[in-house]
Amino acid sequence: MFKLNGTVFMPSMLTLIGIPGLESVQFWIGIPFCAMYIIALFGNSLLLLTIKSERSLHEPMYLLLAMLGVTDIALSTCILPKMLGIFWFHLPDIHFDVCLLQMWLIHTFQSTESGILLAMALDRYVAICDPLRYATVFTHRLLSQIGVGVTLRAALLVAPCLILIKCRLRYYWTTVVSHSYCEHMAIMKLAAEDIRINKTYGLFVAFSILGLDITFITLSYIRIFVIVFNLPQKEARLKAFNTCIAHICVFLEFYLLAFFSFFTHRFGFHIPPYIHILLSNLYLLVPPLLNPVVYGVKTKQIRDRVAKIFHSEYIS
C-alpha cells in the first residue's frame, strides 16, 4: 500500500471508526448491542430447537420460520463480534478483503431474509386463498428449493458489488471508514474514482431483491385480506387473520427499518452521521431480536411447546 498524489493505491487495511461523533460513549453503546445479540441468539436458537423437537411443527410455515431463524443468527453474527471489538477493545483495523467478505455476507443474508419473507407470504396466500391445494403445493421438496433459490439469488446478485469495488476502484482518498461495519456505500465513499457504475449496480440489486419482494408481498396480502373479509363466518375471518398477524409484524419491522435507514442515508443530508450509523446498526440487530419474540407470542403451537420444554426442565 502506498500513497500517490494524496490518494492510497489499493489499500490492504481499512479502519472502522465505529459511530462517528459518539466515540467517547461507544463502550456504553456496546452494552445494549451485546445484550440484543445475546437475546437474539438465545431466542432464535430456542425457536430452532422447538421446531426440531416437535414433529407437529414440521410444517411449511414453521420450517420457513426455522430458515428465518438461521438467517437471523448468521446476519447478527456477521457484524456484532467485530463491532464489539471496535467499541470495547479498540480493534478498528480490518483487512480490505475481509471487509469485502463481511459486506458480501451482510448483504447476502439481508437479501436471503427478504426472500424467505416473500416465501412466507406466499405460504399464507396459498393456505388461505387455495387451502385444498396447500399440501400438494408447499411440499418439503419445494421448501428445500426455496431455501437454495433465495440464497443463491442473494449471493450471486451481491457478488458483483465486491468485484466492481475490487477491480474498478484502485485509488482511495482515505482508509478510514466512517461506519461500524463494512457497508457498501461507506466503502465506495472512500474511492477517489468514478463510482457511478458501482452505485447504479447497488441500486439495481436493492430494487431487484427488496423492491420486487416487497411488491409481491404487498400484492399477496391485499389478495389475502380480500378473501378474509369476504368470509361469511366471523370466526373463520378471525382465525385466518390471526394466522397472518405475526407475519405482518415481521414484514413491517424488517421493511420499515430497511426503507427508513435507506432514505435517511440517501436524503437525510442534515441528519448527524451518528444517526445514520445507529439506524443502520438497529436495522441489522432489531429483526433478529424481535422475530422469535413475535412468533413466540403470536403462535400458539410454538408458545405451548416452549412452555412444555421449560416445564419439563423445571420438573426434572
Protein backbone atom coordinates (compact mmCIF):
# COMPACT_ATOMS: atom_id res chain seq x y z
CA MET A 1 0.00 0.00 0.00
CA PHE A 2 1.43 3.39 -0.97
CA LYS A 3 0.21 6.96 -1.44
CA LEU A 4 0.14 8.78 -4.75
CA ASN A 5 -0.99 12.42 -5.14
CA GLY A 6 -2.78 12.33 -1.80
CA THR A 7 -4.54 9.03 -2.54
CA VAL A 8 -3.91 5.47 -1.38
CA PHE A 9 -3.41 2.81 -4.04
CA MET A 10 -5.20 -0.49 -3.33
CA PRO A 11 -5.10 -0.38 0.48
CA SER A 12 -4.55 -3.66 2.28
CA MET A 13 -6.05 -2.43 5.57
CA LEU A 14 -9.05 -0.27 6.48
CA THR A 15 -10.00 1.34 9.77
CA LEU A 16 -13.57 1.22 11.06
CA ILE A 17 -14.12 4.10 13.45
CA GLY A 18 -17.43 2.83 14.83
CA ILE A 19 -20.03 5.54 15.33
CA PRO A 20 -18.60 8.94 14.30
CA GLY A 21 -19.32 11.61 16.89
CA LEU A 22 -20.01 9.10 19.64
CA GLU A 23 -16.54 7.60 20.04
CA SER A 24 -16.37 8.64 23.70
CA VAL A 25 -19.51 6.64 24.61
CA GLN A 26 -19.11 3.68 22.27
CA PHE A 27 -18.14 1.46 25.21
CA TRP A 28 -21.58 2.03 26.77
CA ILE A 29 -23.40 1.71 23.43
CA GLY A 30 -21.82 -1.72 23.07
CA ILE A 31 -23.60 -2.99 26.20
CA PRO A 32 -27.20 -2.83 24.86
CA PHE A 33 -25.95 -4.00 21.45
CA CYS A 34 -24.33 -7.04 23.08
CA ALA A 35 -27.50 -7.70 25.10
CA MET A 36 -29.58 -7.56 21.89
CA TYR A 37 -27.20 -10.02 20.23
CA ILE A 38 -27.30 -12.49 23.13
CA ILE A 39 -31.10 -12.34 23.31
CA ALA A 40 -31.32 -12.80 19.53
CA LEU A 41 -29.03 -15.84 19.66
CA PHE A 42 -30.97 -17.35 22.56
CA GLY A 43 -34.40 -16.62 21.06
CA ASN A 44 -33.63 -17.94 17.60
CA SER A 45 -31.78 -20.98 18.95
CA LEU A 46 -34.75 -21.78 21.19
CA LEU A 47 -37.07 -21.38 18.22
CA LEU A 48 -34.97 -23.78 16.13
CA LEU A 49 -34.82 -26.31 18.98
CA THR A 50 -38.60 -26.07 19.45
CA ILE A 51 -39.35 -26.65 15.77
CA LYS A 52 -36.85 -29.51 15.52
CA SER A 53 -38.07 -31.32 18.63
CA GLU A 54 -41.81 -31.10 17.92
CA ARG A 55 -42.94 -33.24 14.97
CA SER A 56 -46.24 -31.36 14.66
CA LEU A 57 -44.24 -28.24 13.81
CA HIS A 58 -42.58 -29.87 10.78
CA GLU A 59 -44.97 -27.99 8.51
CA PRO A 60 -44.05 -25.49 5.78
CA MET A 61 -44.95 -22.40 7.83
CA TYR A 62 -42.70 -23.43 10.72
CA LEU A 63 -39.88 -24.72 8.52
CA LEU A 64 -39.79 -21.34 6.79
CA LEU A 65 -39.65 -19.78 10.23
CA ALA A 66 -36.66 -22.02 11.03
CA MET A 67 -34.92 -20.76 7.86
CA LEU A 68 -35.59 -17.21 9.03
CA GLY A 69 -34.07 -18.02 12.44
CA VAL A 70 -30.88 -19.43 10.89
CA THR A 71 -30.56 -16.35 8.68
CA ASP A 72 -31.08 -14.01 11.64
CA ILE A 73 -28.35 -15.75 13.65
CA ALA A 74 -25.93 -15.55 10.72
CA LEU A 75 -26.77 -11.90 9.97
CA SER A 76 -26.26 -10.62 13.51
CA THR A 77 -23.07 -12.70 13.91
CA CYS A 78 -21.60 -11.06 10.81
CA ILE A 79 -21.42 -7.65 12.48
CA LEU A 80 -21.57 -7.88 16.29
CA PRO A 81 -18.21 -9.52 17.16
CA LYS A 82 -16.22 -7.03 15.07
CA MET A 83 -18.38 -4.13 16.25
CA LEU A 84 -17.79 -5.01 19.90
CA GLY A 85 -14.08 -5.32 19.11
CA ILE A 86 -14.18 -1.69 18.00
CA PHE A 87 -16.31 -0.47 20.90
CA TRP A 88 -14.68 -2.38 23.76
CA PHE A 89 -11.18 -3.45 22.74
CA HIS A 90 -10.12 -0.66 20.34
CA LEU A 91 -9.55 -3.03 17.41
CA PRO A 92 -10.69 -0.91 14.43
CA ASP A 93 -8.39 -2.35 11.75
CA ILE A 94 -9.69 -4.85 9.23
CA HIS A 95 -8.09 -6.33 6.12
CA PHE A 96 -9.57 -4.93 2.92
CA ASP A 97 -10.53 -8.37 1.58
CA VAL A 98 -12.05 -9.36 4.93
CA CYS A 99 -14.05 -6.13 4.85
CA LEU A 100 -15.38 -7.02 1.40
CA LEU A 101 -16.25 -10.51 2.67
CA GLN A 102 -18.16 -9.03 5.60
CA MET A 103 -20.01 -6.69 3.22
CA TRP A 104 -20.94 -9.64 0.96
CA LEU A 105 -22.17 -11.74 3.89
CA ILE A 106 -24.25 -8.92 5.37
CA HIS A 107 -26.00 -8.02 2.13
CA THR A 108 -26.40 -11.67 1.14
CA PHE A 109 -28.11 -12.55 4.43
CA GLN A 110 -30.27 -9.41 4.22
CA SER A 111 -31.41 -10.40 0.74
CA THR A 112 -31.91 -14.03 1.80
CA GLU A 113 -34.13 -12.89 4.67
CA SER A 114 -36.18 -10.82 2.24
CA GLY A 115 -36.63 -13.88 0.02
CA ILE A 116 -37.73 -16.01 2.97
CA LEU A 117 -40.28 -13.36 3.98
CA LEU A 118 -41.65 -13.47 0.43
CA ALA A 119 -41.92 -17.27 0.64
CA MET A 120 -43.75 -16.94 3.97
CA ALA A 121 -46.23 -14.51 2.40
CA LEU A 122 -46.86 -16.91 -0.49
CA ASP A 123 -47.27 -19.74 2.02
CA ARG A 124 -50.05 -17.82 3.77
CA TYR A 125 -51.56 -16.85 0.41
CA VAL A 126 -51.93 -20.48 -0.69
CA ALA A 127 -53.07 -21.62 2.78
CA ILE A 128 -55.88 -19.05 2.91
CA CYS A 129 -56.81 -18.49 -0.73
CA ASP A 130 -56.43 -22.05 -2.03
CA PRO A 131 -56.37 -24.34 1.04
CA LEU A 132 -57.30 -27.53 -0.86
CA ARG A 133 -54.07 -27.38 -2.85
CA TYR A 134 -51.85 -26.27 0.03
CA ALA A 135 -50.48 -29.73 0.90
CA THR A 136 -49.63 -30.51 -2.72
CA VAL A 137 -48.06 -27.10 -3.44
CA PHE A 138 -45.92 -26.49 -0.33
CA THR A 139 -44.03 -29.76 -0.09
CA HIS A 140 -40.73 -30.31 1.71
CA ARG A 141 -39.04 -30.54 -1.67
CA LEU A 142 -40.37 -27.11 -2.63
CA LEU A 143 -39.15 -25.68 0.68
CA SER A 144 -35.66 -27.02 0.01
CA GLN A 145 -35.72 -25.45 -3.44
CA ILE A 146 -36.90 -22.14 -1.97
CA GLY A 147 -34.08 -22.16 0.60
CA VAL A 148 -31.43 -22.86 -2.03
CA GLY A 149 -33.01 -20.45 -4.53
CA VAL A 150 -33.25 -17.38 -2.30
CA THR A 151 -29.71 -17.96 -1.00
CA LEU A 152 -28.22 -18.34 -4.49
CA ARG A 153 -30.19 -15.34 -5.76
CA ALA A 154 -28.79 -13.19 -2.98
CA ALA A 155 -25.21 -14.47 -3.17
CA LEU A 156 -24.95 -14.18 -6.97
CA LEU A 157 -26.56 -10.74 -7.23
CA VAL A 158 -24.48 -9.25 -4.41
CA ALA A 159 -21.15 -10.76 -5.55
CA PRO A 160 -20.62 -8.30 -8.47
CA CYS A 161 -20.67 -5.43 -5.94
CA LEU A 162 -17.45 -6.85 -4.48
CA ILE A 163 -15.93 -7.47 -7.91
CA LEU A 164 -16.69 -3.90 -9.03
CA ILE A 165 -15.06 -2.47 -5.90
CA LYS A 166 -12.05 -4.79 -6.08
CA CYS A 167 -11.39 -4.40 -9.81
CA ARG A 168 -12.53 -0.85 -10.61
CA LEU A 169 -11.73 1.18 -7.51
CA ARG A 170 -7.97 1.24 -7.01
CA TYR A 171 -7.36 4.71 -5.55
CA TYR A 172 -8.86 5.87 -2.25
CA TRP A 173 -8.84 9.24 -0.53
CA THR A 174 -8.59 7.60 2.87
CA THR A 175 -8.61 4.19 4.54
CA VAL A 176 -10.80 5.36 7.43
CA VAL A 177 -14.38 4.06 7.14
CA SER A 178 -16.95 6.20 8.95
CA HIS A 179 -19.02 3.21 9.97
CA SER A 180 -19.12 0.37 12.48
CA TYR A 181 -19.19 -2.35 9.81
CA CYS A 182 -18.31 -2.69 6.13
CA GLU A 183 -21.33 -1.18 4.40
CA HIS A 184 -21.43 -0.86 0.60
CA MET A 185 -21.88 2.92 0.34
CA ALA A 186 -19.46 3.61 3.19
CA ILE A 187 -16.70 1.78 1.28
CA MET A 188 -17.48 3.45 -2.05
CA LYS A 189 -17.34 6.92 -0.48
CA LEU A 190 -13.64 6.35 0.18
CA ALA A 191 -12.86 5.94 -3.53
CA ALA A 192 -11.06 8.65 -5.48
CA GLU A 193 -12.51 7.36 -8.77
CA ASP A 194 -15.85 7.39 -10.56
CA ILE A 195 -18.31 5.26 -8.57
CA ARG A 196 -21.39 5.74 -10.76
CA ILE A 197 -21.31 2.19 -12.14
CA ASN A 198 -20.86 0.73 -8.65
CA LYS A 199 -23.66 2.89 -7.25
CA THR A 200 -26.01 2.06 -10.14
CA TYR A 201 -25.46 -1.65 -9.71
CA GLY A 202 -26.01 -1.37 -5.96
CA LEU A 203 -29.37 0.32 -6.58
CA PHE A 204 -30.23 -2.36 -9.15
CA VAL A 205 -29.59 -5.10 -6.59
CA ALA A 206 -31.66 -3.29 -3.94
CA PHE A 207 -34.59 -2.88 -6.34
CA SER A 208 -34.40 -6.35 -7.90
CA ILE A 209 -34.43 -8.03 -4.48
CA LEU A 210 -36.03 -5.83 -1.81
CA GLY A 211 -38.18 -3.86 -4.26
CA LEU A 212 -39.65 -6.87 -6.04
CA ASP A 213 -40.04 -8.88 -2.83
CA ILE A 214 -41.99 -6.19 -1.02
CA THR A 215 -44.17 -5.64 -4.12
CA PHE A 216 -45.16 -9.32 -4.30
CA ILE A 217 -45.63 -9.50 -0.51
CA THR A 218 -47.95 -6.49 -0.63
CA LEU A 219 -49.96 -7.94 -3.53
CA SER A 220 -50.23 -11.28 -1.70
CA TYR A 221 -51.60 -9.67 1.44
CA ILE A 222 -54.03 -7.48 -0.47
CA ARG A 223 -55.44 -10.64 -2.03
CA ILE A 224 -55.46 -12.39 1.38
CA PHE A 225 -57.37 -9.53 3.01
CA VAL A 226 -59.94 -9.52 0.20
CA ILE A 227 -60.55 -13.24 0.72
CA VAL A 228 -60.61 -12.97 4.53
CA PHE A 229 -63.05 -10.08 4.68
CA ASN A 230 -65.41 -11.90 2.31
CA LEU A 231 -65.62 -15.00 4.50
CA PRO A 232 -69.19 -15.42 5.79
CA GLN A 233 -68.35 -16.62 9.32
CA LYS A 234 -66.81 -14.19 11.77
CA GLU A 235 -64.88 -17.00 13.48
CA ALA A 236 -63.31 -18.04 10.18
CA ARG A 237 -62.29 -14.44 9.47
CA LEU A 238 -60.65 -14.09 12.90
CA LYS A 239 -58.82 -17.42 12.58
CA ALA A 240 -57.48 -16.56 9.11
CA PHE A 241 -56.45 -13.08 10.22
CA ASN A 242 -54.72 -14.38 13.37
CA THR A 243 -52.52 -16.72 11.31
CA CYS A 244 -51.20 -13.66 9.46
CA ILE A 245 -50.62 -11.22 12.33
CA ALA A 246 -47.15 -12.48 13.28
CA HIS A 247 -46.06 -12.46 9.62
CA ILE A 248 -47.34 -8.92 9.10
CA CYS A 249 -45.48 -7.69 12.19
CA VAL A 250 -42.23 -9.23 10.95
CA PHE A 251 -42.70 -7.84 7.41
CA LEU A 252 -43.35 -4.32 8.71
CA GLU A 253 -40.47 -4.49 11.18
CA PHE A 254 -37.97 -5.62 8.51
CA TYR A 255 -39.01 -3.41 5.60
CA LEU A 256 -39.89 -0.25 7.54
CA LEU A 257 -36.48 -0.29 9.23
CA ALA A 258 -34.84 -1.02 5.86
CA PHE A 259 -36.51 1.81 3.99
CA PHE A 260 -36.23 4.27 6.88
CA SER A 261 -32.49 3.58 7.05
CA PHE A 262 -32.18 3.77 3.24
CA PHE A 263 -34.00 7.09 2.85
CA THR A 264 -32.29 8.80 5.78
CA HIS A 265 -28.95 7.68 4.36
CA ARG A 266 -29.74 8.89 0.83
CA PHE A 267 -31.74 12.06 1.55
CA GLY A 268 -31.16 12.99 5.19
CA PHE A 269 -28.26 15.33 4.44
CA HIS A 270 -28.85 17.42 7.55
CA ILE A 271 -29.12 14.42 9.90
CA PRO A 272 -25.97 13.89 12.00
CA PRO A 273 -23.80 10.95 10.79
CA TYR A 274 -24.14 9.06 14.06
CA ILE A 275 -27.92 8.88 13.49
CA HIS A 276 -27.33 7.20 10.12
CA ILE A 277 -24.93 4.70 11.66
CA LEU A 278 -27.19 3.91 14.62
CA LEU A 279 -30.14 3.34 12.28
CA SER A 280 -28.04 1.03 10.11
CA ASN A 281 -26.97 -0.95 13.17
CA LEU A 282 -30.51 -1.22 14.51
CA TYR A 283 -31.76 -2.32 11.09
CA LEU A 284 -29.45 -5.35 11.31
CA LEU A 285 -29.93 -6.07 15.03
CA VAL A 286 -33.61 -5.45 15.74
CA PRO A 287 -35.20 -8.05 13.38
CA PRO A 288 -33.11 -10.97 14.75
CA LEU A 289 -34.05 -9.80 18.25
CA LEU A 290 -37.79 -9.37 17.67
CA ASN A 291 -38.61 -12.15 15.20
CA PRO A 292 -38.52 -15.04 17.71
CA VAL A 293 -40.36 -12.89 20.26
CA VAL A 294 -43.14 -12.05 17.78
CA TYR A 295 -43.61 -15.66 16.68
CA GLY A 296 -43.28 -16.98 20.22
CA VAL A 297 -46.03 -14.67 21.47
CA LYS A 298 -48.40 -14.83 18.48
CA THR A 299 -48.09 -18.52 17.51
CA LYS A 300 -49.91 -20.79 19.95
CA GLN A 301 -48.22 -24.02 18.85
CA ILE A 302 -44.75 -22.56 19.42
CA ARG A 303 -45.79 -20.91 22.67
CA ASP A 304 -47.22 -24.17 24.04
CA ARG A 305 -44.16 -26.19 23.00
CA VAL A 306 -41.74 -23.71 24.62
CA ALA A 307 -43.79 -23.74 27.81
CA LYS A 308 -43.67 -27.56 27.76
CA ILE A 309 -39.87 -27.54 27.35
CA PHE A 310 -39.31 -25.22 30.31
CA HIS A 311 -41.93 -27.01 32.43
CA SER A 312 -40.27 -30.41 31.85
CA GLU A 313 -36.85 -28.96 32.73
CA TYR A 314 -38.27 -27.39 35.89
CA ILE A 315 -39.89 -30.69 36.96
CA SER A 316 -36.68 -32.64 36.34
